[in-house]
């Protein structure tokens, strides 16, 4: 092999897509050529001419690099093949993702981990190859097994999400831990999310908080945001609104939209700071204008009720509609309320039903409860008490106090369900436990309708239901 080419191979490192080191002298010669072209462009005193000069320089650079690595790649040298993939993948006048994927594949099949990782990313995103999560997972796994931390993080994510490979939290945690131990902040975040997502396990939550803390202290905005939420909610750490506010602030200053939206909520609710509707509006609007659905919905509500700003129903509807376009169920429910009540729009029960149905299908318990009430009253639909009871039950089982109270009333009065005072007592009791005043009153009232034996059974059922929602009688 030509000794000059051998030395060039030795000088190439495993850099990410978009960078390949070249010989300094050649770069200087190329710079002279590029500057000459640039001088012609300056003489024309036009931006298009400058762009032409820049593209000419880029093209000359790329063509020189291709000339260097192509002979070696054709001879089967894996690093040269990988480097050709990098050259074709990066932004340049000669960018060709099909060629990039082809060269990455050749190097990957020879075991080059960087090529395997990059080929996996191309399969994941459908760039230069047909999109395939399964092939992406295979190549990420190959690179991960050779210690590539980015591949370890990505295969961990795929195991966690069940994308391209069967979901497996244990494998997800194993790979994410490997990447995290190599200093990958994103992997630390994902691992913390895996431990904290929906977990009631105190040890896992504490471990998640520790992982988030490590990444947050390194300046990672996602970790700062997530740790802020743990402090706000008291999950895995002692509840501390001031710390939550500080972490949200740090993440928001780095542009994190979720942190901006949550800062708005903290100012609105006076958590960790004195209530400040103007500041809440500022943060909600900042995130909303960048497309954050929850911020859009919260901003709409502030505008609808006139907190920190003048009431503007049209603007509220516009923001709710934007959030709804992103499947924000709360915004859909709010639009349903506005059409039901005729707030800022002509009262339209059928339109309200439409919005409630969309939100209910997404699991919004308020919308499910509202649908139940529409069917119970026959507003916008034919009155159907059985359907009303069904919607109330769906929301009640998910913990909606109002729905629990309404379902209790249905059992007490035998509306849409067989009359059952014990079931009524249980559902009203669950709602009363959440402090719903009307349920507290109805619960006291129903005790006068139940005999001593039934009341004792009802109280036992209520104690059980506090940990597991009851299975209602047919």
Protein backbone atom coordinates (compact mmCIF):
# COMPACT_ATOMS: atom_id res chain seq x y z
CA UNK A 1 0.00 0.00 0.00
CA UNK A 2 1.23 3.53 -0.78
CA UNK A 3 3.01 4.83 2.36
CA UNK A 4 1.43 8.28 2.01
CA UNK A 5 -2.02 6.71 1.98
CA UNK A 6 -1.12 4.60 5.00
CA UNK A 7 -0.14 7.68 6.94
CA UNK A 8 -3.39 9.34 5.98
CA UNK A 9 -5.35 6.38 7.30
CA UNK A 10 -3.51 6.61 10.59
CA UNK A 11 -4.46 10.26 10.87
CA UNK A 12 -8.23 9.76 10.72
CA UNK A 13 -10.16 9.50 13.98
CA UNK A 14 -13.65 8.23 14.72
CA UNK A 15 -15.44 11.56 14.65
CA UNK A 16 -19.24 11.98 14.31
CA UNK A 17 -21.02 12.37 10.99
CA UNK A 18 -19.85 15.51 9.23
CA UNK A 19 -16.11 15.65 10.04
CA UNK A 20 -13.07 14.02 8.45
CA UNK A 21 -9.59 15.39 9.14
CA UNK A 22 -7.41 16.25 6.17
CA UNK A 23 -3.81 17.12 5.49
CA UNK A 24 -2.97 20.66 6.63
CA UNK A 25 -0.88 21.54 3.58
CA UNK A 26 -3.59 20.38 1.24
CA UNK A 27 -6.10 22.45 3.21
CA UNK A 28 -3.92 25.53 2.76
CA UNK A 29 -3.70 24.94 -1.00
CA UNK A 30 -7.45 24.46 -1.15
CA UNK A 31 -7.95 27.61 0.88
CA UNK A 32 -5.93 29.55 -1.71
CA UNK A 33 -8.15 28.20 -4.48
CA UNK A 34 -11.27 28.97 -2.45
CA UNK A 35 -10.07 32.49 -1.67
CA UNK A 36 -9.39 33.08 -5.33
CA UNK A 37 -12.94 32.09 -6.11
CA UNK A 38 -14.09 34.24 -3.21
CA UNK A 39 -12.16 37.20 -4.63
CA UNK A 40 -14.08 36.85 -7.88
CA UNK A 41 -17.28 36.82 -5.90
CA UNK A 42 -16.35 39.96 -3.97
CA UNK A 43 -15.62 41.71 -7.26
CA UNK A 44 -19.19 40.98 -8.29
CA UNK A 45 -20.32 42.41 -4.90
CA UNK A 46 -23.30 40.07 -4.70
CA UNK A 47 -24.32 37.49 -2.10
CA UNK A 48 -25.08 34.81 -4.74
CA UNK A 49 -21.50 35.19 -5.95
CA UNK A 50 -20.22 34.73 -2.40
CA UNK A 51 -22.32 31.59 -2.03
CA UNK A 52 -20.94 30.32 -5.31
CA UNK A 53 -17.40 30.87 -4.05
CA UNK A 54 -18.15 29.08 -0.80
CA UNK A 55 -19.73 26.14 -2.64
CA UNK A 56 -16.77 26.00 -5.00
CA UNK A 57 -14.39 25.78 -2.07
CA UNK A 58 -16.56 23.10 -0.40
CA UNK A 59 -16.75 21.09 -3.61
CA UNK A 60 -12.98 21.23 -4.14
CA UNK A 61 -12.43 20.15 -0.53
CA UNK A 62 -14.85 17.24 -0.78
CA UNK A 63 -13.50 16.09 -4.14
CA UNK A 64 -9.98 16.08 -2.69
CA UNK A 65 -11.10 14.02 0.30
CA UNK A 66 -12.92 11.57 -1.96
CA UNK A 67 -9.79 11.20 -4.03
CA UNK A 68 -7.84 10.37 -0.90
CA UNK A 69 -10.15 7.74 0.56
CA UNK A 70 -11.82 6.11 -2.45
CA UNK A 71 -8.83 3.97 -3.57
CA UNK A 72 -8.40 2.61 -0.05
CA UNK A 73 -12.12 2.01 0.37
CA UNK A 74 -12.25 0.13 -2.92
CA UNK A 75 -9.48 -2.11 -1.55
CA UNK A 76 -11.72 -2.96 1.40
CA UNK A 77 -10.24 -0.74 4.09
CA UNK A 78 -13.04 -0.36 6.69
CA UNK A 79 -11.85 2.98 8.08
CA UNK A 80 -11.63 4.46 4.59
CA UNK A 81 -15.14 3.15 3.83
CA UNK A 82 -16.38 4.71 7.07
CA UNK A 83 -14.76 8.00 6.15
CA UNK A 84 -16.37 7.99 2.71
CA UNK A 85 -19.69 7.50 4.47
CA UNK A 86 -18.95 10.51 6.68
CA UNK A 87 -18.00 12.63 3.65
CA UNK A 88 -21.15 11.77 1.71
CA UNK A 89 -23.39 12.17 4.78
CA UNK A 90 -22.32 15.67 5.75
CA UNK A 91 -23.79 18.84 4.30
CA UNK A 92 -21.86 19.75 1.14
CA UNK A 93 -22.46 20.26 -2.60
CA UNK A 94 -21.77 16.53 -3.05
CA UNK A 95 -23.94 15.25 -0.20
CA UNK A 96 -25.44 11.88 -1.14
CA UNK A 97 -27.14 9.92 1.63
CA UNK A 98 -27.60 6.83 -0.53
CA UNK A 99 -23.84 6.71 -1.12
CA UNK A 100 -23.23 7.43 2.57
CA UNK A 101 -25.42 4.51 3.64
CA UNK A 102 -23.71 2.24 1.09
CA UNK A 103 -20.24 2.98 2.44
CA UNK A 104 -21.37 2.83 6.06
CA UNK A 105 -22.83 -0.61 5.36
CA UNK A 106 -19.53 -1.91 3.92
CA UNK A 107 -17.59 -0.67 6.93
CA UNK A 108 -20.29 -1.84 9.35
CA UNK A 109 -20.19 -5.35 7.95
CA UNK A 110 -16.48 -5.36 8.76
CA UNK A 111 -17.27 -4.44 12.36
CA UNK A 112 -16.56 -0.70 12.45
CA UNK A 113 -18.69 0.59 15.39
CA UNK A 114 -18.96 4.19 14.15
CA UNK A 115 -20.21 2.98 10.78
CA UNK A 116 -22.63 0.62 12.52
CA UNK A 117 -23.97 3.45 14.66
CA UNK A 118 -24.35 5.82 11.70
CA UNK A 119 -26.00 3.15 9.54
CA UNK A 120 -28.42 2.47 12.40
CA UNK A 121 -29.33 6.17 12.54
CA UNK A 122 -29.96 6.21 8.79
CA UNK A 123 -32.30 3.21 9.10
CA UNK A 124 -34.03 4.83 12.07
CA UNK A 125 -34.66 8.07 10.16
CA UNK A 126 -35.10 6.59 6.67
CA UNK A 127 -32.20 8.56 5.19
CA UNK A 128 -30.52 6.96 2.18
CA UNK A 129 -32.23 3.65 2.98
CA UNK A 130 -35.76 2.44 3.57
CA UNK A 131 -36.87 3.25 7.11
CA UNK A 132 -36.57 0.21 9.38
CA UNK A 133 -36.63 0.31 13.18
CA UNK A 134 -35.71 -3.37 13.27
CA UNK A 135 -32.50 -2.88 11.26
CA UNK A 136 -31.73 0.26 13.24
CA UNK A 137 -31.94 -1.77 16.45
CA UNK A 138 -29.71 -4.50 15.03
CA UNK A 139 -26.94 -2.10 14.03
CA UNK A 140 -27.19 -0.04 17.22
CA UNK A 141 -26.84 -3.27 19.19
CA UNK A 142 -23.75 -4.26 17.20
CA UNK A 143 -22.11 -0.89 17.88
CA UNK A 144 -23.23 -0.88 21.52
CA UNK A 145 -21.62 -4.26 22.12
CA UNK A 146 -18.33 -2.67 21.04
CA UNK A 147 -18.71 0.08 23.62
CA UNK A 148 -20.07 2.97 21.54
CA UNK A 149 -21.89 5.07 24.13
CA UNK A 150 -24.25 6.77 21.67
CA UNK A 151 -25.30 3.38 20.34
CA UNK A 152 -25.74 2.12 23.91
CA UNK A 153 -28.00 5.06 24.66
CA UNK A 154 -30.05 4.58 21.50
CA UNK A 155 -30.53 0.82 21.89
CA UNK A 156 -31.47 1.49 25.50
CA UNK A 157 -34.14 3.91 24.31
CA UNK A 158 -35.42 1.36 21.78
CA UNK A 159 -35.68 -1.33 24.47
CA UNK A 160 -37.52 1.12 26.73
CA UNK A 161 -40.00 2.14 24.03
CA UNK A 162 -40.33 -1.27 22.36
CA UNK A 163 -39.37 0.25 18.99
CA UNK A 164 -37.69 -2.13 16.55
CA UNK A 165 -37.15 -4.63 19.34
CA UNK A 166 -39.30 -6.18 22.05
CA UNK A 167 -39.74 -3.85 25.03
CA UNK A 168 -37.54 -4.85 27.93
CA UNK A 169 -36.98 -2.45 30.82
CA UNK A 170 -34.16 -4.56 32.23
CA UNK A 171 -32.20 -4.44 28.97
CA UNK A 172 -33.04 -0.75 28.60
CA UNK A 173 -31.62 -0.03 32.05
CA UNK A 174 -28.52 -2.13 31.36
CA UNK A 175 -27.59 -0.31 28.15
CA UNK A 176 -28.50 3.13 29.46
CA UNK A 177 -26.38 2.50 32.54
CA UNK A 178 -23.39 1.63 30.34
CA UNK A 179 -23.80 4.83 28.35
CA UNK A 180 -24.35 6.90 31.49
CA UNK A 181 -21.17 5.50 33.05
CA UNK A 182 -19.31 6.78 29.99
CA UNK A 183 -20.60 10.27 30.72
CA UNK A 184 -23.56 10.46 28.32
CA UNK A 185 -25.95 13.00 29.89
CA UNK A 186 -28.81 11.96 27.64
CA UNK A 187 -28.47 8.39 28.85
CA UNK A 188 -28.57 9.55 32.46
CA UNK A 189 -31.80 11.39 31.72
CA UNK A 190 -33.35 8.39 30.01
CA UNK A 191 -32.30 6.06 32.81
CA UNK A 192 -33.75 8.43 35.39
CA UNK A 193 -36.95 8.63 33.35
CA UNK A 194 -37.11 4.85 33.19
CA UNK A 195 -36.83 4.66 36.97
CA UNK A 196 -39.27 7.49 37.70
CA UNK A 197 -41.94 7.07 35.01
CA UNK A 198 -45.07 5.98 36.83
CA UNK A 199 -43.02 4.28 39.54
CA UNK A 200 -44.22 4.14 43.12
CA UNK A 201 -41.01 2.38 44.19
CA UNK A 202 -39.27 4.77 46.58
CA UNK A 203 -35.78 3.35 45.90
CA UNK A 204 -36.19 3.73 42.15
CA UNK A 205 -37.41 7.31 42.55
CA UNK A 206 -34.46 8.18 44.77
CA UNK A 207 -32.09 6.65 42.19
CA UNK A 208 -33.82 8.61 39.43
CA UNK A 209 -33.41 11.84 41.38
CA UNK A 210 -29.71 11.11 41.86
CA UNK A 211 -29.23 10.54 38.13
CA UNK A 212 -31.09 13.71 37.26
CA UNK A 213 -29.05 15.63 39.83
CA UNK A 214 -25.79 14.44 38.27
CA UNK A 215 -26.86 15.52 34.78
CA UNK A 216 -28.47 18.75 36.02
CA UNK A 217 -25.28 19.82 37.79
CA UNK A 218 -23.47 19.28 34.49
CA UNK A 219 -25.83 21.83 32.95
CA UNK A 220 -28.19 19.53 31.06
CA UNK A 221 -31.51 21.41 30.63
CA UNK A 222 -33.64 18.26 30.28
CA UNK A 223 -32.29 16.92 33.55
CA UNK A 224 -32.82 20.30 35.23
CA UNK A 225 -36.42 20.32 34.04
CA UNK A 226 -37.12 16.74 35.14
CA UNK A 227 -35.45 17.19 38.51
CA UNK A 228 -37.47 20.38 38.96
CA UNK A 229 -40.66 18.39 38.44
CA UNK A 230 -39.55 15.83 41.03
CA UNK A 231 -38.97 18.62 43.58
CA UNK A 232 -42.28 20.23 42.65
CA UNK A 233 -44.19 16.98 43.14
CA UNK A 234 -42.11 15.55 45.98
CA UNK A 235 -41.22 12.37 44.09
CA UNK A 236 -37.90 10.82 45.10
CA UNK A 237 -36.97 14.00 46.98
CA UNK A 238 -38.56 16.15 49.65
CA UNK A 239 -41.00 18.57 48.05
CA UNK A 240 -39.30 21.92 47.59
CA UNK A 241 -40.97 24.53 45.39
CA UNK A 242 -38.03 26.93 45.65
CA UNK A 243 -35.62 24.31 44.27
CA UNK A 244 -38.12 23.38 41.58
CA UNK A 245 -38.42 27.02 40.56
CA UNK A 246 -34.64 27.45 40.43
CA UNK A 247 -34.18 24.32 38.29
CA UNK A 248 -36.97 25.33 35.91
CA UNK A 249 -35.38 28.76 35.62
CA UNK A 250 -31.99 27.28 34.71
CA UNK A 251 -33.53 25.01 32.07
CA UNK A 252 -35.76 27.76 30.69
CA UNK A 253 -32.77 30.08 30.24
CA UNK A 254 -31.32 27.38 27.97
CA UNK A 255 -34.51 27.36 25.91
CA UNK A 256 -36.26 24.30 27.37
CA UNK A 257 -39.94 24.71 26.45
CA UNK A 258 -41.30 22.40 29.14
CA UNK A 259 -39.41 24.35 31.78
CA UNK A 260 -40.83 27.62 30.46
CA UNK A 261 -44.35 26.20 30.61
CA UNK A 262 -43.80 24.90 34.14
CA UNK A 263 -42.34 28.23 35.24
CA UNK A 264 -45.57 29.79 34.07
CA UNK A 265 -47.47 27.34 36.26
CA UNK A 266 -45.31 28.13 39.28
CA UNK A 267 -45.90 31.87 38.90
CA UNK A 268 -49.60 31.33 38.29
CA UNK A 269 -50.04 29.12 41.38
CA UNK A 270 -47.59 30.96 43.63
CA UNK A 271 -45.38 27.92 44.24
CA UNK A 272 -41.88 28.84 45.38
CA UNK A 273 -42.60 32.48 44.67
CA UNK A 274 -45.37 35.04 45.16
CA UNK A 275 -48.20 34.65 42.62
CA UNK A 276 -47.55 36.78 39.55
CA UNK A 277 -50.07 36.48 36.72
CA UNK A 278 -48.07 38.79 34.45
CA UNK A 279 -44.98 36.60 34.80
CA UNK A 280 -47.10 33.49 34.28
CA UNK A 281 -48.48 34.96 31.04
CA UNK A 282 -44.95 35.84 29.91
CA UNK A 283 -43.63 32.30 30.35
CA UNK A 284 -46.74 30.62 28.97
CA UNK A 285 -46.66 32.86 25.90
CA UNK A 286 -42.94 32.30 25.34
CA UNK A 287 -43.41 28.53 25.24
CA UNK A 288 -46.77 28.71 23.44
CA UNK A 289 -45.37 30.76 20.57
CA UNK A 290 -42.75 28.05 20.07
CA UNK A 291 -45.45 25.39 19.83
CA UNK A 292 -45.64 23.93 23.34
CA UNK A 293 -49.17 22.51 23.56
CA UNK A 294 -49.57 22.65 27.35
CA UNK A 295 -48.38 26.24 27.43
CA UNK A 296 -50.84 27.09 24.65
CA UNK A 297 -53.71 25.60 26.66
CA UNK A 298 -52.64 27.34 29.88
CA UNK A 299 -52.23 30.66 28.10
CA UNK A 300 -55.71 30.25 26.60
CA UNK A 301 -57.18 29.69 30.07
CA UNK A 302 -55.45 32.79 31.47
CA UNK A 303 -56.83 34.85 28.59
CA UNK A 304 -60.31 33.29 28.87
CA UNK A 305 -60.67 34.16 32.57
CA UNK A 306 -58.72 37.42 32.42
CA UNK A 307 -55.79 36.60 34.69
CA UNK A 308 -52.80 38.85 33.98
CA UNK A 309 -54.46 40.14 30.84
CA UNK A 310 -57.80 41.32 29.46
CA UNK A 311 -60.45 38.70 28.69
CA UNK A 312 -60.33 37.80 24.99
CA UNK A 313 -62.48 34.82 24.07
CA UNK A 314 -61.39 34.83 20.44
CA UNK A 315 -57.71 34.66 21.39
CA UNK A 316 -58.47 31.94 23.94
CA UNK A 317 -60.23 29.85 21.30
CA UNK A 318 -57.28 30.32 18.92
CA UNK A 319 -54.80 29.07 21.50
CA UNK A 320 -57.03 26.18 22.57
CA UNK A 321 -57.41 25.22 18.91
CA UNK A 322 -53.64 25.26 18.35
CA UNK A 323 -53.12 23.02 21.38
CA UNK A 324 -55.94 20.72 20.27
CA UNK A 325 -54.23 20.28 16.91
CA UNK A 326 -51.42 18.67 18.90
CA UNK A 327 -53.90 16.31 20.62
CA UNK A 328 -53.94 18.26 23.88
CA UNK A 329 -56.98 16.72 25.55
CA UNK A 330 -57.33 19.48 28.15
CA UNK A 331 -57.63 22.11 25.41
CA UNK A 332 -60.27 20.00 23.66
CA UNK A 333 -62.24 19.72 26.89
CA UNK A 334 -62.03 23.50 27.36
CA UNK A 335 -63.35 24.08 23.83
CA UNK A 336 -66.17 21.70 24.69
CA UNK A 337 -66.97 23.76 27.77
CA UNK A 338 -67.01 27.00 25.78
CA UNK A 339 -69.43 25.57 23.21
CA UNK A 340 -71.59 23.98 25.89
CA UNK A 341 -71.87 27.22 27.86
CA UNK A 342 -71.87 29.63 24.91
CA UNK A 343 -68.71 31.38 26.16
CA UNK A 344 -67.33 33.51 23.34
CA UNK A 345 -69.25 31.41 20.82
CA UNK A 346 -72.86 30.59 20.02
CA UNK A 347 -74.00 27.80 22.34
CA UNK A 348 -73.70 24.54 20.42
CA UNK A 349 -74.23 21.27 22.29
CA UNK A 350 -73.35 19.14 19.28
CA UNK A 351 -70.02 20.93 18.90
CA UNK A 352 -69.44 20.48 22.62
CA UNK A 353 -70.13 16.74 22.27
CA UNK A 354 -67.61 16.60 19.41
CA UNK A 355 -64.84 18.19 21.47
CA UNK A 356 -65.66 16.16 24.60
CA UNK A 357 -65.62 12.93 22.57
CA UNK A 358 -62.19 13.69 21.12
CA UNK A 359 -60.78 14.49 24.55
CA UNK A 360 -62.46 11.50 26.18
CA UNK A 361 -60.94 9.17 23.59
CA UNK A 362 -57.54 10.47 24.72
CA UNK A 363 -58.36 9.57 28.32
CA UNK A 364 -59.26 13.02 29.68
CA UNK A 365 -61.38 12.29 32.73
CA UNK A 366 -63.00 15.72 32.82
CA UNK A 367 -64.23 15.24 29.27
CA UNK A 368 -65.48 11.74 30.10
CA UNK A 369 -67.42 13.15 33.04
CA UNK A 370 -68.80 15.97 30.87
CA UNK A 371 -69.91 13.48 28.22
CA UNK A 372 -71.69 11.54 30.94
CA UNK A 373 -73.58 14.67 31.95
CA UNK A 374 -74.52 15.47 28.34
CA UNK A 375 -76.01 11.98 27.94
CA UNK A 376 -77.71 12.18 31.32
CA UNK A 377 -79.39 15.48 30.43
CA UNK A 378 -79.90 14.76 26.72
CA UNK A 379 -77.97 17.88 25.66
CA UNK A 380 -76.89 17.53 22.03
CA UNK A 381 -77.65 13.79 22.08
CA UNK A 382 -80.59 11.53 22.76
CA UNK A 383 -80.88 11.04 26.51
CA UNK A 384 -79.21 7.74 27.43
CA UNK A 385 -78.73 7.06 31.13
CA UNK A 386 -76.81 3.80 30.62
CA UNK A 387 -74.28 5.56 28.41
CA UNK A 388 -74.09 8.38 30.93
CA UNK A 389 -73.30 5.91 33.72
CA UNK A 390 -70.66 4.24 31.54
CA UNK A 391 -68.83 7.53 30.91
CA UNK A 392 -69.03 8.44 34.60
CA UNK A 393 -67.56 5.07 35.53
CA UNK A 394 -64.65 5.40 33.09
CA UNK A 395 -63.68 8.73 34.63
CA UNK A 396 -64.43 7.60 38.18
CA UNK A 397 -62.08 4.62 37.91
CA UNK A 398 -59.32 7.03 36.87
CA UNK A 399 -59.89 9.06 40.03
CA UNK A 400 -62.05 11.95 38.83
CA UNK A 401 -63.89 13.12 41.96
CA UNK A 402 -66.78 14.75 40.11
CA UNK A 403 -67.39 11.57 38.10
CA UNK A 404 -67.21 9.46 41.26
CA UNK A 405 -69.86 11.67 42.83
CA UNK A 406 -72.07 11.53 39.73
CA UNK A 407 -71.74 7.75 39.52
CA UNK A 408 -72.67 7.50 43.19
CA UNK A 409 -75.81 9.54 42.50
CA UNK A 410 -76.71 7.24 39.60
CA UNK A 411 -76.44 4.17 41.86
CA UNK A 412 -78.39 5.86 44.62
CA UNK A 413 -81.27 6.79 42.28
CA UNK A 414 -81.07 3.76 39.97
CA UNK A 415 -80.42 5.85 36.86
CA UNK A 416 -78.84 3.84 34.04
CA UNK A 417 -77.74 1.20 36.57
CA UNK A 418 -79.48 -1.07 39.05
CA UNK A 419 -80.11 0.81 42.29
CA UNK A 420 -77.44 -0.12 44.81
CA UNK A 421 -76.92 1.90 47.99
CA UNK A 422 -73.64 0.19 48.83
CA UNK A 423 -72.16 1.09 45.43
CA UNK A 424 -73.52 4.61 45.85
CA UNK A 425 -71.86 4.89 49.27
CA UNK A 426 -68.50 3.65 47.95
CA UNK A 427 -68.34 6.04 44.99
CA UNK A 428 -69.60 9.00 46.99
CA UNK A 429 -67.09 8.11 49.71
CA UNK A 430 -64.20 8.13 47.24
CA UNK A 431 -65.26 11.56 45.98
CA UNK A 432 -65.68 12.84 49.54
CA UNK A 433 -62.15 11.66 50.38
CA UNK A 434 -60.95 14.10 47.70
CA UNK A 435 -62.80 16.93 49.41
CA UNK A 436 -65.68 17.33 46.95
CA UNK A 437 -68.29 19.22 48.97
CA UNK A 438 -71.36 17.92 47.16
CA UNK A 439 -70.16 14.34 47.65
CA UNK A 440 -69.65 14.94 51.38
CA UNK A 441 -73.26 16.15 51.66
CA UNK A 442 -74.65 13.24 49.59
CA UNK A 443 -72.61 10.72 51.58
CA UNK A 444 -74.17 11.92 54.84
CA UNK A 445 -77.59 11.75 53.23
CA UNK A 446 -77.24 8.19 51.98
CA UNK A 447 -76.27 6.87 55.40
CA UNK A 448 -79.87 7.51 56.41
CA UNK A 449 -81.04 5.19 53.61
CA UNK A 450 -78.80 2.24 54.53
CA UNK A 451 -79.48 -0.20 57.37
CA UNK A 452 -76.76 -1.01 59.93
CA UNK A 453 -75.64 -4.23 58.24
CA UNK A 454 -75.45 -2.66 54.78
CA UNK A 455 -73.67 0.39 56.19
CA UNK A 456 -70.99 -1.81 57.77
CA UNK A 457 -70.49 -3.61 54.43
CA UNK A 458 -70.36 -0.29 52.60
CA UNK A 459 -67.67 1.06 54.94
CA UNK A 460 -65.60 -2.09 54.45
CA UNK A 461 -65.92 -1.72 50.70
CA UNK A 462 -64.90 1.92 50.88
CA UNK A 463 -61.74 1.04 52.88
CA UNK A 464 -60.80 -1.49 50.20
CA UNK A 465 -61.60 0.94 47.39
CA UNK A 466 -59.21 3.55 48.73
CA UNK A 467 -56.37 1.35 47.50
CA UNK A 468 -58.15 -0.37 44.58
CA UNK A 469 -61.13 1.16 42.73
CA UNK A 470 -64.16 -1.10 43.27
CA UNK A 471 -65.64 -3.39 40.63
CA UNK A 472 -69.20 -2.18 40.30
CA UNK A 473 -72.13 -4.55 40.42
CA UNK A 474 -73.97 -5.42 37.20
